């Protein structure tokens, strides 16, 4: 498949990506990720390995789009769970703390 990453054309195949990522230890995932084989890789790490470019030269969206077109599973950044809104009474109770029983 032909795709453009950081204004450079690349001819990528699923097998080629699997071969490139073989033996590469995944870095901790803090943002978007791609599942290659059984491992979760940060999108920027995959882009760096397959394009041999600096991570600052391309966006995570470019690599995610290319990996999704090749059939890999891409995951977005998980959204933070919304915090529960406390009523004024619950807020005051929380500030006072729990009572100490003697």
Protein backbone atom coordinates (compact mmCIF):
# COMPACT_ATOMS: atom_id res chain seq x y z
CA UNK A 1 0.00 0.00 0.00
CA UNK A 2 1.30 3.42 -0.88
CA UNK A 3 0.97 6.09 1.81
CA UNK A 4 2.47 9.47 2.57
CA UNK A 5 4.01 10.11 5.99
CA UNK A 6 5.78 13.42 6.67
CA UNK A 7 5.44 14.35 2.99
CA UNK A 8 7.43 11.27 1.89
CA UNK A 9 5.83 8.39 -0.02
CA UNK A 10 6.19 4.89 1.45
CA UNK A 11 5.23 1.51 0.06
CA UNK A 12 4.09 -0.40 3.15
CA UNK A 13 2.81 -3.94 3.53
CA UNK A 14 1.48 -5.69 6.61
CA UNK A 15 4.22 -8.29 6.37
CA UNK A 16 6.86 -5.60 6.00
CA UNK A 17 5.66 -3.82 9.13
CA UNK A 18 5.61 -7.11 11.06
CA UNK A 19 9.16 -7.84 9.91
CA UNK A 20 10.37 -4.33 10.80
CA UNK A 21 8.89 -4.51 14.30
CA UNK A 22 10.24 -8.01 15.00
CA UNK A 23 12.61 -7.84 17.95
CA UNK A 24 11.71 -4.24 18.80
CA UNK A 25 10.86 -3.85 22.47
CA UNK A 26 7.72 -1.70 22.97
CA UNK A 27 8.13 1.52 24.90
CA UNK A 28 5.54 2.40 27.56
CA UNK A 29 2.30 3.49 25.91
CA UNK A 30 1.21 6.94 27.02
CA UNK A 31 -0.85 8.03 24.03
CA UNK A 32 -2.13 6.45 20.85
CA UNK A 33 -1.04 2.87 20.26
CA UNK A 34 -0.95 0.15 17.60
CA UNK A 35 -1.28 -3.55 18.27
CA UNK A 36 1.30 -5.46 16.23
CA UNK A 37 1.32 -9.17 16.91
CA UNK A 38 0.55 -9.41 20.61
CA UNK A 39 2.31 -6.21 21.61
CA UNK A 40 1.06 -2.64 22.07
CA UNK A 41 3.45 -0.11 20.56
CA UNK A 42 3.24 3.69 20.75
CA UNK A 43 2.29 5.02 17.32
CA UNK A 44 5.31 7.32 17.19
CA UNK A 45 7.69 4.39 17.89
CA UNK A 46 6.18 2.39 15.02
CA UNK A 47 6.42 5.40 12.71
CA UNK A 48 10.06 5.92 13.60
CA UNK A 49 10.95 2.28 12.94
CA UNK A 50 9.10 1.87 9.63
CA UNK A 51 10.03 5.27 8.15
CA UNK A 52 13.49 5.72 9.73
CA UNK A 53 12.58 9.35 10.38
CA UNK A 54 12.68 11.43 13.53
CA UNK A 55 9.44 11.31 15.53
CA UNK A 56 9.07 15.08 15.28
CA UNK A 57 8.77 14.84 11.48
CA UNK A 58 5.36 13.13 11.40
CA UNK A 59 2.13 13.10 13.36
CA UNK A 60 0.60 10.18 15.21
CA UNK A 61 -2.51 10.55 13.04
CA UNK A 62 -0.54 9.90 9.84
CA UNK A 63 0.91 6.66 11.18
CA UNK A 64 -2.39 5.55 12.77
CA UNK A 65 -4.20 6.06 9.47
CA UNK A 66 -1.60 4.02 7.57
CA UNK A 67 -1.59 1.21 10.17
CA UNK A 68 -5.40 1.04 10.18
CA UNK A 69 -5.44 0.78 6.37
CA UNK A 70 -2.99 -2.13 6.63
CA UNK A 71 -5.34 -3.90 9.05
CA UNK A 72 -3.66 -3.25 12.39
CA UNK A 73 -5.72 -2.32 15.43
CA UNK A 74 -5.12 1.26 16.53
CA UNK A 75 -6.20 2.65 19.87
CA UNK A 76 -6.73 6.31 20.70
CA UNK A 77 -5.74 8.01 23.91
CA UNK A 78 -8.15 6.89 26.63
CA UNK A 79 -10.29 9.73 27.86
CA UNK A 80 -10.26 10.49 31.57
CA UNK A 81 -13.34 9.42 33.46
CA UNK A 82 -15.46 12.37 34.46
CA UNK A 83 -15.29 13.21 38.11
CA UNK A 84 -18.49 12.90 40.06
CA UNK A 85 -20.01 16.22 41.01
CA UNK A 86 -20.48 16.49 44.75
CA UNK A 87 -23.42 18.21 46.34
CA UNK A 88 -22.54 20.98 48.83
CA UNK A 89 -23.36 18.59 51.70
CA UNK A 90 -21.05 15.86 50.29
CA UNK A 91 -18.30 18.40 49.73
CA UNK A 92 -18.52 19.68 53.32
CA UNK A 93 -18.51 16.11 54.66
CA UNK A 94 -15.45 15.26 52.60
CA UNK A 95 -13.61 18.32 53.91
CA UNK A 96 -14.42 17.44 57.51
CA UNK A 97 -13.23 13.88 57.09
CA UNK A 98 -14.60 10.76 58.68
CA UNK A 99 -15.50 10.81 62.36
CA UNK A 100 -13.12 9.09 64.76
CA UNK A 101 -14.81 6.58 67.04
CA UNK A 102 -13.34 6.10 70.50
